[in-house]
Amino acid sequence: MKKGLSIVFSLLIVLSLALIGCSSADKTGKEESGEKKEKAAEGGTMVYARGGDAVNLDPATVTDGESLIVSEQVFETLVNYEKETTDITPGISKKWDVSDDGKTYTFELEEGIKFHDGTDLNADAVVQNFERWMNGKSEAEFPYFVSQFGGFKGDESAVIKEVKAVAENKVEFTLFRPQAPFLKNLAMTAFSISSPAAIEKFGAKYIENPVGTGPFKFESWKRNDTITVVKNEEYWKDGLPKLDKIIFKVITDNSARLNALVKGEVDLMDGLNPSDVAKVEADSNLQIFERPSMNIGYLGFNVEKEPFDNKKVRQAINHAINKQAILDNFYEGTAEPAKNPIPPSVNGYNDDIEDYEFDLDKAQKLLEEAGLKDGFKMDLWAMPVPRPYMPNGQKVAEAIQADLEKIGIEVNIVSMEWATYLEKTRDGEAPMFMLGWTGDNGDADNFLYALLDKDSIGSNNYSRYANEDVHKLLIEAQTETEEDKRNELYKEALEIIHDDAPWVPIAHSVPQLAGKSTIEGFFPHPTGVQVFDDVSM
């Protein structure tokens, strides 16, 4: 007991001295005792600066990272990913069982969890969420549900047959066929569990009034400016969250975002220009956060529109774009050239594929074979916001424009507000467009089936690419549970996709974030979204 009092007295003295002086230890916290550091970490507001605003805050209805990273704070899923990987851990379900045939999953929920509106999270609430998604009317309504679970009720390609409550806190899923990435799919933010009462109360306005069980509660949204979430005082995990408030702040320009960080106006930012990494590293008040690479930045063709319905035109453009020059000029050592639609970090990657080399003569010859010897005019849709896989969409578009001009293709660059850009591209209005994807769950299915299968046209397959042989391989890979066999199926599918060339894969990047040196507990998750429950300042 006396020893304990002595320690407390000593700590009080240290605290008093810290208040009088101003040392580097005060700024970084690295020399503080564990007890004092924990107290200093409690509470506070973190301002997170990003390049674009959310589209909406109902995670089941969106695919953009700006929306999902906010949703991650408000909502929770049945199972989670580990903090630094896509391995599965318990979420709001504490345990689960899988039948021998892989068609039945039974989840036991944590008890006593409440939604932010005070209603109970139970098996019925989970069922109502899945029934809502399963009864969707179009791919655009619940795009991730279609791309991850095949389709809605009554669709031949649907994976989920039934979801029912078998006890107050026990939910049973019955599948039409086994799905190897089923648990990883359930961990995606898109399948977060909402309050059924709030969905009914707000109706169409639920997208601006999200209610989940997460560590933070939605407070306000000023469009194209800020979204604010505040601490859930009734959160079911002891000691979390550590912050009182998070403000997601839109600053569209990368350099302006960094200036705001340097001035202390924001605490954490994404979309750091590769050219600014050295500047951050030289500032003792800042630190770099590197997100593990699990993405693809690409140039997509709408294969239903002329002349991109001709494979030779698509192949010609693959040969005409100087990827290495794009990487050297705009990624500056933070990316590698892409030749597959999936990154090397994902199982099923086909390293045997030979990329389309930069060769203007081959490109010109293919255009001639396609009957377009004199070239053509076209619109290229350029991303209006920086994304982890594309740090500066406008500049990359200009580089592509210059490359294509050399083979007689006259390019007009088109851009628009981010939400409109995504909606119109999804609906097939863009002839050629720039986009990208950060893997949601670490599985090849989340890239290939979600982005390039015929079942995903109208949701995430913006190229509207459909190949029956690819479809058969992807469905077989979903059902196959032996990893080596799955990988071979994906490699075979990638050979066909490479030849069909619905995209020009450009880069797999290592996204750079920057923040104050006082931020602790933050690890940029490979999926691009993460909860900030354990982050402190």
Protein backbone atom coordinates (compact mmCIF):
# COMPACT_ATOMS: atom_id res chain seq x y z
CA MET A 1 0.00 0.00 0.00
CA LYS A 2 2.78 2.45 0.89
CA LYS A 3 4.60 1.58 -2.28
CA GLY A 4 1.46 2.40 -4.29
CA LEU A 5 1.12 5.82 -2.58
CA SER A 6 4.77 6.52 -3.27
CA ILE A 7 4.26 5.83 -6.99
CA VAL A 8 1.21 8.09 -7.16
CA PHE A 9 3.12 10.91 -5.39
CA SER A 10 6.02 10.52 -7.82
CA LEU A 11 3.67 10.68 -10.77
CA LEU A 12 2.12 13.88 -9.46
CA ILE A 13 5.56 15.46 -9.28
CA VAL A 14 6.33 14.36 -12.86
CA LEU A 15 3.02 15.77 -14.03
CA SER A 16 3.71 19.09 -12.31
CA LEU A 17 7.11 19.36 -13.94
CA ALA A 18 5.60 18.54 -17.32
CA LEU A 19 3.14 21.39 -16.95
CA ILE A 20 5.94 23.83 -16.10
CA GLY A 21 8.39 22.79 -18.80
CA CYS A 22 7.96 22.09 -22.47
CA SER A 23 10.12 19.22 -23.70
CA SER A 24 9.95 17.01 -26.76
CA ALA A 25 8.68 14.24 -24.52
CA ASP A 26 5.56 16.32 -23.89
CA LYS A 27 4.82 16.38 -27.64
CA THR A 28 5.44 12.74 -28.42
CA GLY A 29 4.48 11.08 -25.16
CA LYS A 30 7.27 8.55 -25.69
CA GLU A 31 8.87 9.13 -22.30
CA GLU A 32 5.70 9.20 -20.24
CA SER A 33 4.78 6.42 -17.86
CA GLY A 34 2.14 3.90 -18.90
CA GLU A 35 -0.39 5.26 -16.40
CA LYS A 36 0.07 8.88 -17.40
CA LYS A 37 0.01 8.01 -21.09
CA GLU A 38 -3.27 6.17 -20.71
CA LYS A 39 -4.87 9.16 -18.99
CA ALA A 40 -3.57 11.53 -21.65
CA ALA A 41 -5.03 9.30 -24.37
CA GLU A 42 -8.58 9.52 -23.06
CA GLY A 43 -10.98 11.80 -24.87
CA GLY A 44 -10.23 14.48 -27.43
CA THR A 45 -11.24 15.16 -31.01
CA MET A 46 -9.45 13.81 -34.07
CA VAL A 47 -9.86 15.57 -37.41
CA TYR A 48 -9.38 13.21 -40.36
CA ALA A 49 -8.83 14.99 -43.68
CA ARG A 50 -9.71 13.29 -46.96
CA GLY A 51 -10.10 14.23 -50.60
CA GLY A 52 -13.82 13.66 -51.07
CA ASP A 53 -17.13 13.44 -49.26
CA ALA A 54 -19.22 10.36 -48.57
CA VAL A 55 -21.89 9.42 -51.10
CA ASN A 56 -24.28 8.28 -48.34
CA LEU A 57 -24.08 6.66 -44.91
CA ASP A 58 -26.07 3.47 -45.41
CA PRO A 59 -23.16 1.07 -45.99
CA ALA A 60 -25.31 -1.50 -47.79
CA THR A 61 -26.02 0.93 -50.63
CA VAL A 62 -22.54 2.27 -51.47
CA THR A 63 -19.15 1.02 -52.62
CA ASP A 64 -16.96 4.10 -52.20
CA GLY A 65 -14.31 4.21 -49.51
CA GLU A 66 -15.24 7.72 -48.38
CA SER A 67 -18.66 6.48 -47.28
CA LEU A 68 -17.48 3.19 -45.83
CA ILE A 69 -14.78 4.61 -43.57
CA VAL A 70 -17.41 6.70 -41.80
CA SER A 71 -19.81 3.75 -41.63
CA GLU A 72 -17.07 1.67 -40.02
CA GLN A 73 -17.22 3.91 -36.95
CA VAL A 74 -21.02 3.74 -36.61
CA PHE A 75 -21.78 0.12 -37.48
CA GLU A 76 -20.59 -3.39 -36.70
CA THR A 77 -20.64 -6.73 -38.51
CA LEU A 78 -21.22 -10.32 -37.42
CA VAL A 79 -17.51 -11.06 -37.76
CA ASN A 80 -14.46 -8.79 -38.06
CA TYR A 81 -11.05 -8.73 -39.68
CA GLU A 82 -7.98 -8.72 -37.49
CA LYS A 83 -6.41 -5.29 -36.98
CA GLU A 84 -3.62 -5.82 -39.52
CA THR A 85 -4.89 -8.65 -41.75
CA THR A 86 -8.07 -10.04 -43.30
CA ASP A 87 -8.12 -13.07 -40.99
CA ILE A 88 -11.52 -13.48 -39.33
CA THR A 89 -12.20 -12.76 -35.66
CA PRO A 90 -15.48 -12.46 -33.68
CA GLY A 91 -17.59 -9.36 -34.12
CA ILE A 92 -21.09 -8.92 -32.71
CA SER A 93 -21.28 -12.71 -32.92
CA LYS A 94 -19.00 -14.32 -30.37
CA LYS A 95 -18.86 -17.76 -32.00
CA TRP A 96 -20.21 -19.71 -34.96
CA ASP A 97 -20.55 -23.24 -36.31
CA VAL A 98 -20.38 -24.48 -39.90
CA SER A 99 -22.06 -27.66 -41.13
CA ASP A 100 -19.97 -30.39 -42.73
CA ASP A 101 -21.38 -29.63 -46.18
CA GLY A 102 -20.52 -25.93 -45.83
CA LYS A 103 -24.12 -24.84 -46.45
CA THR A 104 -25.26 -23.93 -42.93
CA TYR A 105 -23.70 -21.28 -40.65
CA THR A 106 -25.02 -20.68 -37.13
CA PHE A 107 -23.95 -17.52 -35.29
CA GLU A 108 -24.34 -16.84 -31.57
CA LEU A 109 -24.56 -13.11 -30.85
CA GLU A 110 -23.10 -11.19 -27.96
CA GLU A 111 -25.80 -10.44 -25.39
CA GLY A 112 -26.92 -7.02 -24.17
CA ILE A 113 -25.79 -4.96 -27.19
CA LYS A 114 -28.03 -2.04 -28.08
CA PHE A 115 -28.30 0.14 -31.15
CA HIS A 116 -27.64 3.84 -30.74
CA ASP A 117 -31.42 4.46 -30.64
CA GLY A 118 -31.77 2.19 -27.59
CA THR A 119 -33.33 -0.78 -29.37
CA ASP A 120 -31.93 -4.28 -28.93
CA LEU A 121 -29.49 -6.02 -31.23
CA ASN A 122 -30.78 -9.58 -31.45
CA ALA A 123 -31.28 -12.37 -33.96
CA ASP A 124 -34.46 -10.78 -35.34
CA ALA A 125 -32.59 -7.55 -36.09
CA VAL A 126 -29.93 -9.46 -38.03
CA VAL A 127 -32.61 -11.34 -39.98
CA GLN A 128 -34.43 -8.11 -40.84
CA ASN A 129 -31.21 -6.61 -42.24
CA PHE A 130 -30.54 -9.61 -44.47
CA GLU A 131 -34.17 -9.82 -45.56
CA ARG A 132 -33.96 -6.18 -46.61
CA TRP A 133 -30.91 -6.89 -48.76
CA MET A 134 -32.14 -10.23 -50.11
CA ASN A 135 -35.37 -8.59 -51.30
CA GLY A 136 -33.55 -5.86 -53.21
CA LYS A 137 -34.97 -4.77 -56.55
CA SER A 138 -31.80 -3.87 -58.46
CA GLU A 139 -28.04 -4.21 -58.34
CA ALA A 140 -27.77 -0.44 -57.91
CA GLU A 141 -29.84 -0.62 -54.69
CA PHE A 142 -27.53 -3.02 -52.82
CA PRO A 143 -24.45 -3.39 -55.07
CA TYR A 144 -22.22 -5.28 -52.66
CA PHE A 145 -24.89 -7.83 -51.84
CA VAL A 146 -25.09 -8.81 -55.49
CA SER A 147 -21.36 -8.83 -56.11
CA GLN A 148 -20.56 -10.86 -52.97
CA PHE A 149 -23.62 -13.12 -52.66
CA GLY A 150 -24.59 -13.62 -56.30
CA GLY A 151 -28.05 -12.12 -56.33
CA PHE A 152 -31.37 -11.50 -54.60
CA LYS A 153 -34.13 -13.94 -53.67
CA GLY A 154 -35.27 -15.82 -56.74
CA ASP A 155 -32.08 -15.17 -58.72
CA GLU A 156 -30.51 -18.32 -60.10
CA SER A 157 -27.05 -17.14 -59.03
CA ALA A 158 -28.02 -16.31 -55.41
CA VAL A 159 -25.83 -17.82 -52.69
CA ILE A 160 -28.01 -17.23 -49.60
CA LYS A 161 -31.19 -19.31 -49.44
CA GLU A 162 -32.53 -18.34 -46.01
CA VAL A 163 -31.64 -16.42 -42.85
CA LYS A 164 -33.66 -17.17 -39.72
CA ALA A 165 -33.59 -16.61 -35.96
CA VAL A 166 -33.35 -19.92 -34.12
CA ALA A 167 -33.14 -18.28 -30.67
CA GLU A 168 -33.12 -14.75 -29.31
CA ASN A 169 -29.39 -14.41 -29.92
CA LYS A 170 -28.78 -17.13 -32.50
CA VAL A 171 -29.00 -16.74 -36.30
CA GLU A 172 -28.85 -19.49 -38.91
CA PHE A 173 -27.81 -18.96 -42.53
CA THR A 174 -28.64 -21.60 -45.15
CA LEU A 175 -26.81 -21.41 -48.48
CA PHE A 176 -27.73 -22.88 -51.85
CA ARG A 177 -24.09 -23.84 -52.34
CA PRO A 178 -20.91 -23.58 -50.29
CA GLN A 179 -19.08 -20.28 -50.63
CA ALA A 180 -15.40 -20.31 -49.68
CA PRO A 181 -15.16 -16.59 -48.79
CA PHE A 182 -18.54 -16.48 -46.95
CA LEU A 183 -17.14 -15.38 -43.58
CA LYS A 184 -14.81 -12.84 -45.19
CA ASN A 185 -17.77 -11.43 -47.08
CA LEU A 186 -19.81 -11.07 -43.88
CA ALA A 187 -16.99 -9.03 -42.33
CA MET A 188 -17.28 -6.36 -45.02
CA THR A 189 -18.62 -2.99 -43.88
CA ALA A 190 -21.41 -3.27 -46.46
CA PHE A 191 -22.98 -6.00 -44.33
CA SER A 192 -23.04 -4.02 -41.12
CA ILE A 193 -26.18 -4.44 -39.02
CA SER A 194 -28.46 -1.39 -38.88
CA SER A 195 -31.25 -0.65 -36.45
CA PRO A 196 -34.47 -1.93 -38.12
CA ALA A 197 -36.42 0.67 -36.14
CA ALA A 198 -34.26 3.48 -37.56
CA ILE A 199 -34.60 2.19 -41.12
CA GLU A 200 -38.39 2.22 -40.72
CA LYS A 201 -38.38 5.63 -39.01
CA PHE A 202 -36.21 7.49 -41.51
CA GLY A 203 -37.13 5.67 -44.72
CA ALA A 204 -35.34 7.22 -47.70
CA LYS A 205 -33.53 9.61 -45.36
CA TYR A 206 -31.80 6.76 -43.52
CA ILE A 207 -28.78 7.43 -45.74
CA GLU A 208 -28.30 10.65 -43.74
CA ASN A 209 -29.32 9.24 -40.34
CA PRO A 210 -27.34 6.02 -39.78
CA VAL A 211 -27.93 4.03 -36.58
CA GLY A 212 -25.70 1.10 -35.64
CA THR A 213 -24.06 -0.43 -32.58
CA GLY A 214 -20.53 0.85 -33.21
CA PRO A 215 -18.13 2.77 -30.96
CA PHE A 216 -19.22 6.13 -32.39
CA LYS A 217 -22.65 7.64 -32.98
CA PHE A 218 -23.50 9.77 -35.99
CA GLU A 219 -23.95 13.43 -35.05
CA SER A 220 -24.00 15.66 -38.15
CA TRP A 221 -23.19 16.00 -41.84
CA LYS A 222 -22.38 19.22 -43.70
CA ARG A 223 -22.25 18.12 -47.32
CA ASN A 224 -18.84 18.42 -48.98
CA ASP A 225 -17.39 19.71 -45.72
CA THR A 226 -17.57 17.62 -42.55
CA ILE A 227 -19.13 14.51 -41.04
CA THR A 228 -18.99 14.28 -37.24
CA VAL A 229 -19.33 11.16 -35.10
CA VAL A 230 -19.20 11.16 -31.30
CA LYS A 231 -18.33 8.62 -28.64
CA ASN A 232 -20.94 5.95 -27.90
CA GLU A 233 -21.03 6.16 -24.11
CA GLU A 234 -22.92 2.85 -23.95
CA TYR A 235 -20.51 0.91 -26.18
CA TRP A 236 -20.39 -2.77 -25.24
CA LYS A 237 -16.59 -3.11 -25.35
CA ASP A 238 -14.98 -1.92 -22.11
CA GLY A 239 -12.64 1.07 -22.37
CA LEU A 240 -13.52 1.86 -25.98
CA PRO A 241 -13.57 4.13 -27.86
CA LYS A 242 -10.74 6.29 -26.58
CA LEU A 243 -11.62 9.42 -28.56
CA ASP A 244 -14.61 11.64 -27.80
CA LYS A 245 -15.19 12.73 -31.36
CA ILE A 246 -14.01 12.26 -34.95
CA ILE A 247 -14.52 14.89 -37.64
CA PHE A 248 -14.12 13.73 -41.24
CA LYS A 249 -13.04 16.86 -43.11
CA VAL A 250 -13.08 17.27 -46.91
CA ILE A 251 -10.05 19.06 -48.38
CA THR A 252 -9.98 18.15 -52.05
CA ASP A 253 -6.40 19.14 -52.90
CA ASN A 254 -3.63 16.85 -51.66
CA SER A 255 -1.16 19.66 -51.00
CA ALA A 256 -3.75 21.79 -49.21
CA ARG A 257 -4.55 18.79 -47.02
CA LEU A 258 -0.90 18.43 -46.05
CA ASN A 259 -0.64 22.15 -45.32
CA ALA A 260 -3.61 21.84 -42.97
CA LEU A 261 -1.82 19.00 -41.19
CA VAL A 262 1.42 20.96 -40.86
CA LYS A 263 -0.50 23.92 -39.42
CA GLY A 264 -2.24 21.67 -36.90
CA GLU A 265 -5.71 22.22 -38.37
CA VAL A 266 -6.17 18.46 -38.92
CA ASP A 267 -4.65 15.44 -37.18
CA LEU A 268 -4.60 12.71 -39.83
CA MET A 269 -4.85 12.73 -43.61
CA ASP A 270 -4.99 10.27 -46.46
CA GLY A 271 -4.00 10.81 -50.09
CA LEU A 272 -0.51 12.08 -49.36
CA ASN A 273 1.32 13.00 -52.56
CA PRO A 274 4.20 10.54 -53.06
CA SER A 275 6.42 13.59 -53.66
CA ASP A 276 5.58 14.87 -50.16
CA VAL A 277 6.66 11.78 -48.24
CA ALA A 278 10.17 13.13 -47.60
CA LYS A 279 8.72 16.40 -46.27
CA VAL A 280 6.62 14.54 -43.71
CA GLU A 281 9.50 12.28 -42.70
CA ALA A 282 11.67 15.35 -42.04
CA ASP A 283 9.09 16.90 -39.68
CA SER A 284 9.45 15.60 -36.10
CA ASN A 285 5.84 16.60 -35.38
CA LEU A 286 4.52 14.26 -38.07
CA GLN A 287 4.64 10.59 -38.96
CA ILE A 288 4.00 8.46 -42.04
CA PHE A 289 1.46 5.63 -42.07
CA GLU A 290 1.77 3.11 -44.92
CA ARG A 291 -1.24 1.05 -45.90
CA PRO A 292 -0.36 -2.50 -47.02
CA SER A 293 -0.97 -2.80 -50.76
CA MET A 294 -4.14 -4.64 -51.71
CA ASN A 295 -5.53 -2.57 -54.56
CA ILE A 296 -5.67 -1.94 -58.27
CA GLY A 297 -5.89 1.35 -60.20
CA TYR A 298 -7.15 0.80 -63.72
CA LEU A 299 -8.44 2.29 -66.96
CA GLY A 300 -11.73 0.61 -67.83
CA PHE A 301 -13.54 0.18 -71.14
CA ASN A 302 -17.30 -0.05 -71.49
CA VAL A 303 -17.25 -3.14 -73.70
CA GLU A 304 -20.84 -2.50 -74.80
CA LYS A 305 -19.94 0.81 -76.51
CA GLU A 306 -18.20 1.20 -79.86
CA PRO A 307 -15.33 0.96 -80.57
CA PHE A 308 -14.53 -0.71 -77.23
CA ASP A 309 -16.74 -3.67 -78.11
CA ASN A 310 -13.81 -4.69 -80.32
CA LYS A 311 -11.14 -6.60 -78.41
CA LYS A 312 -8.38 -5.41 -80.75
CA VAL A 313 -9.12 -1.77 -79.89
CA ARG A 314 -8.84 -2.58 -76.18
CA GLN A 315 -5.59 -4.46 -76.75
CA ALA A 316 -4.23 -1.58 -78.83
CA ILE A 317 -4.80 0.88 -76.00
CA ASN A 318 -3.12 -1.53 -73.57
CA HIS A 319 -0.03 -1.38 -75.78
CA ALA A 320 -0.23 2.42 -76.19
CA ILE A 321 -0.12 3.45 -72.52
CA ASN A 322 3.28 3.93 -70.92
CA LYS A 323 2.58 2.57 -67.43
CA GLN A 324 6.12 2.94 -66.18
CA ALA A 325 6.18 6.63 -67.05
CA ILE A 326 2.88 7.10 -65.17
CA LEU A 327 4.31 5.35 -62.12
CA ASP A 328 7.56 7.32 -62.26
CA ASN A 329 5.81 10.68 -62.60
CA PHE A 330 2.82 10.29 -60.28
CA TYR A 331 3.53 7.46 -57.82
CA GLU A 332 7.26 8.10 -57.25
CA GLY A 333 8.24 4.73 -55.89
CA THR A 334 4.99 3.99 -54.01
CA ALA A 335 3.52 1.57 -56.59
CA GLU A 336 4.33 -1.25 -58.97
CA PRO A 337 2.95 -1.71 -62.49
CA ALA A 338 -0.12 -3.93 -62.71
CA LYS A 339 -0.71 -6.73 -65.20
CA ASN A 340 -3.52 -8.55 -63.37
CA PRO A 341 -6.83 -7.20 -62.02
CA ILE A 342 -5.77 -8.55 -58.61
CA PRO A 343 -2.65 -7.54 -56.66
CA PRO A 344 0.26 -9.93 -55.94
CA SER A 345 -0.72 -10.00 -52.25
CA VAL A 346 -3.92 -11.93 -53.06
CA ASN A 347 -3.94 -15.70 -53.58
CA GLY A 348 -4.72 -16.63 -57.18
CA TYR A 349 -2.48 -13.94 -58.68
CA ASN A 350 -1.06 -15.14 -62.01
CA ASP A 351 2.56 -14.11 -62.29
CA ASP A 352 3.00 -16.12 -65.52
CA ILE A 353 0.98 -13.57 -67.46
CA GLU A 354 3.10 -11.32 -69.69
CA ASP A 355 1.93 -7.74 -69.61
CA TYR A 356 1.10 -5.77 -72.76
CA GLU A 357 4.41 -4.04 -73.37
CA PHE A 358 4.48 -0.36 -74.26
CA ASP A 359 4.72 -0.61 -78.05
CA LEU A 360 3.15 2.06 -80.27
CA ASP A 361 3.79 0.05 -83.46
CA LYS A 362 1.82 -2.91 -82.11
CA ALA A 363 -0.90 -0.56 -80.96
CA GLN A 364 -1.15 1.05 -84.39
CA LYS A 365 -1.24 -2.34 -86.13
CA LEU A 366 -4.11 -3.54 -83.92
CA LEU A 367 -6.09 -0.37 -84.67
CA GLU A 368 -5.60 -0.99 -88.38
CA GLU A 369 -6.85 -4.58 -87.97
CA ALA A 370 -9.90 -3.17 -86.19
CA GLY A 371 -10.61 -0.88 -89.15
CA LEU A 372 -9.50 2.28 -87.33
CA LYS A 373 -6.26 3.09 -89.11
CA ASP A 374 -6.88 6.83 -88.80
CA GLY A 375 -7.84 6.64 -85.13
CA PHE A 376 -11.01 8.06 -83.56
CA LYS A 377 -12.32 10.57 -81.06
CA MET A 378 -13.46 9.58 -77.58
CA ASP A 379 -14.22 10.77 -74.05
CA LEU A 380 -12.06 9.66 -71.13
CA TRP A 381 -13.72 10.04 -67.74
CA ALA A 382 -11.18 11.09 -65.11
CA MET A 383 -11.59 10.65 -61.37
CA PRO A 384 -12.31 13.95 -59.60
CA VAL A 385 -10.87 12.90 -56.23
CA PRO A 386 -7.55 11.37 -55.13
CA ARG A 387 -7.84 7.73 -54.15
CA PRO A 388 -5.27 5.34 -52.63
CA TYR A 389 -4.79 3.59 -55.98
CA MET A 390 -4.82 6.84 -58.00
CA PRO A 391 -3.16 9.83 -56.25
CA ASN A 392 -3.97 12.32 -59.02
CA GLY A 393 -6.61 11.21 -61.50
CA GLN A 394 -6.52 14.37 -63.59
CA LYS A 395 -2.75 14.23 -64.16
CA VAL A 396 -2.83 10.52 -65.00
CA ALA A 397 -5.67 11.21 -67.46
CA GLU A 398 -3.56 13.87 -69.16
CA ALA A 399 -0.68 11.40 -69.50
CA ILE A 400 -3.01 8.82 -71.06
CA GLN A 401 -4.37 11.52 -73.37
CA ALA A 402 -0.85 12.29 -74.60
CA ASP A 403 -0.03 8.60 -75.11
CA LEU A 404 -3.17 7.88 -77.14
CA GLU A 405 -2.67 10.94 -79.31
CA LYS A 406 0.46 9.24 -80.67
CA ILE A 407 -1.67 6.51 -82.28
CA GLY A 408 -4.32 8.89 -83.62
CA ILE A 409 -6.86 8.69 -80.79
CA GLU A 410 -8.14 12.13 -79.85
CA VAL A 411 -9.11 12.15 -76.18
CA ASN A 412 -11.48 14.57 -74.47
CA ILE A 413 -11.13 14.44 -70.67
CA VAL A 414 -14.41 14.54 -68.75
CA SER A 415 -14.91 14.86 -65.01
CA MET A 416 -17.70 15.59 -62.55
CA GLU A 417 -18.64 15.40 -58.86
CA TRP A 418 -17.59 12.08 -57.29
CA ALA A 419 -21.02 10.63 -56.43
CA THR A 420 -22.32 11.47 -59.91
CA TYR A 421 -19.18 10.03 -61.49
CA LEU A 422 -19.70 6.70 -59.73
CA GLU A 423 -23.42 6.54 -60.49
CA LYS A 424 -23.09 7.34 -64.19
CA THR A 425 -20.13 5.00 -64.66
CA ARG A 426 -22.02 2.18 -62.92
CA ASP A 427 -24.99 2.81 -65.22
CA GLY A 428 -22.82 2.42 -68.31
CA GLU A 429 -22.64 6.04 -69.47
CA ALA A 430 -18.84 6.29 -69.57
CA PRO A 431 -17.12 4.91 -72.72
CA MET A 432 -13.67 4.78 -71.08
CA PHE A 433 -13.06 5.64 -67.45
CA MET A 434 -10.53 5.66 -64.64
CA LEU A 435 -11.31 3.82 -61.43
CA GLY A 436 -9.78 1.45 -58.95
CA TRP A 437 -10.55 -0.95 -56.15
CA THR A 438 -9.18 -1.69 -52.72
CA GLY A 439 -9.85 -5.28 -51.71
CA ASP A 440 -12.61 -5.61 -49.14
CA ASN A 441 -11.70 -9.00 -47.73
CA GLY A 442 -8.39 -10.22 -49.12
CA ASP A 443 -9.96 -12.83 -51.41
CA ALA A 444 -9.59 -13.03 -55.21
CA ASP A 445 -13.37 -13.44 -55.45
CA ASN A 446 -13.76 -9.87 -54.16
CA PHE A 447 -11.81 -8.60 -57.17
CA LEU A 448 -12.76 -10.94 -60.02
CA TYR A 449 -16.37 -11.90 -59.29
CA ALA A 450 -17.18 -8.47 -57.88
CA LEU A 451 -15.61 -6.47 -60.71
CA LEU A 452 -15.51 -8.64 -63.83
CA ASP A 453 -18.27 -11.25 -63.68
CA LYS A 454 -21.52 -11.01 -65.61
CA ASP A 455 -23.49 -11.31 -62.35
CA SER A 456 -21.99 -7.99 -61.20
CA ILE A 457 -23.01 -5.88 -64.20
CA GLY A 458 -25.03 -3.02 -62.74
CA SER A 459 -23.24 -3.21 -59.39
CA ASN A 460 -19.42 -3.17 -59.45
CA ASN A 461 -18.69 -4.44 -62.96
CA TYR A 462 -18.46 -0.99 -64.53
CA SER A 463 -16.89 -2.37 -67.72
CA ARG A 464 -20.03 -4.48 -68.27
CA TYR A 465 -17.74 -7.34 -69.22
CA ALA A 466 -19.30 -10.81 -69.57
CA ASN A 467 -17.51 -14.02 -70.50
CA GLU A 468 -19.21 -17.37 -69.92
CA ASP A 469 -15.93 -19.27 -69.48
CA VAL A 470 -14.75 -16.76 -66.87
CA HIS A 471 -18.13 -16.98 -65.12
CA LYS A 472 -17.96 -20.79 -64.85
CA LEU A 473 -14.42 -20.64 -63.45
CA LEU A 474 -15.33 -17.96 -60.86
CA ILE A 475 -18.42 -19.84 -59.65
CA GLU A 476 -16.39 -23.05 -59.37
CA ALA A 477 -13.70 -21.15 -57.43
CA GLN A 478 -16.33 -19.79 -55.03
CA THR A 479 -17.60 -23.30 -54.29
CA GLU A 480 -14.18 -24.96 -54.03
CA THR A 481 -12.82 -24.88 -50.48
CA GLU A 482 -9.33 -26.27 -51.19
CA GLU A 483 -7.08 -23.21 -51.59
CA ASP A 484 -4.65 -24.67 -54.14
CA LYS A 485 -7.48 -25.69 -56.46
CA ARG A 486 -9.14 -22.28 -56.08
CA ASN A 487 -5.87 -20.57 -57.01
CA GLU A 488 -5.53 -22.59 -60.21
CA LEU A 489 -9.08 -21.70 -61.23
CA TYR A 490 -8.38 -18.00 -60.69
CA LYS A 491 -5.15 -18.19 -62.66
CA GLU A 492 -7.02 -19.76 -65.58
CA ALA A 493 -9.69 -17.04 -65.41
CA LEU A 494 -7.00 -14.36 -65.38
CA GLU A 495 -5.53 -15.70 -68.65
CA ILE A 496 -8.87 -15.23 -70.38
CA ILE A 497 -9.43 -11.79 -68.86
CA HIS A 498 -5.95 -10.69 -69.92
CA ASP A 499 -6.66 -11.63 -73.53
CA ASP A 500 -10.12 -10.02 -73.53
CA ALA A 501 -8.59 -6.83 -72.06
CA PRO A 502 -11.67 -5.16 -70.50
CA TRP A 503 -9.21 -2.98 -68.55
CA VAL A 504 -5.77 -1.50 -68.71
CA PRO A 505 -4.47 -2.46 -65.23
CA ILE A 506 -2.20 0.41 -64.25
CA ALA A 507 -0.86 0.20 -60.71
CA HIS A 508 -0.87 -1.54 -57.35
CA SER A 509 -0.02 1.21 -54.89
CA VAL A 510 1.21 1.41 -51.32
CA PRO A 511 -1.00 4.28 -50.11
CA GLN A 512 0.65 6.89 -47.92
CA LEU A 513 -1.08 8.64 -45.01
CA ALA A 514 0.33 11.26 -42.69
CA GLY A 515 -0.57 12.28 -39.17
CA LYS A 516 0.62 13.99 -36.05
CA SER A 517 3.35 12.20 -34.15
CA THR A 518 1.05 11.99 -31.12
CA ILE A 519 -1.39 9.60 -32.80
CA GLU A 520 -1.20 6.10 -31.37
CA GLY A 521 -3.01 2.84 -32.03
CA PHE A 522 -3.66 3.59 -35.70
CA PHE A 523 -2.84 0.93 -38.30
CA PRO A 524 -4.09 1.51 -41.87
CA HIS A 525 -5.94 -1.69 -42.68
CA PRO A 526 -5.26 -3.34 -46.07
CA THR A 527 -8.96 -3.04 -46.95
CA GLY A 528 -8.81 0.75 -46.77
CA VAL A 529 -11.37 1.14 -43.99
CA GLN A 530 -10.87 0.68 -40.29
CA VAL A 531 -12.52 1.52 -37.02
CA PHE A 532 -10.83 4.17 -34.90
CA ASP A 533 -12.04 2.73 -31.58
CA ASP A 534 -8.51 2.04 -30.27
CA VAL A 535 -6.89 5.22 -31.62
CA SER A 536 -5.71 7.85 -29.18
CA MET A 537 -3.84 11.15 -29.37
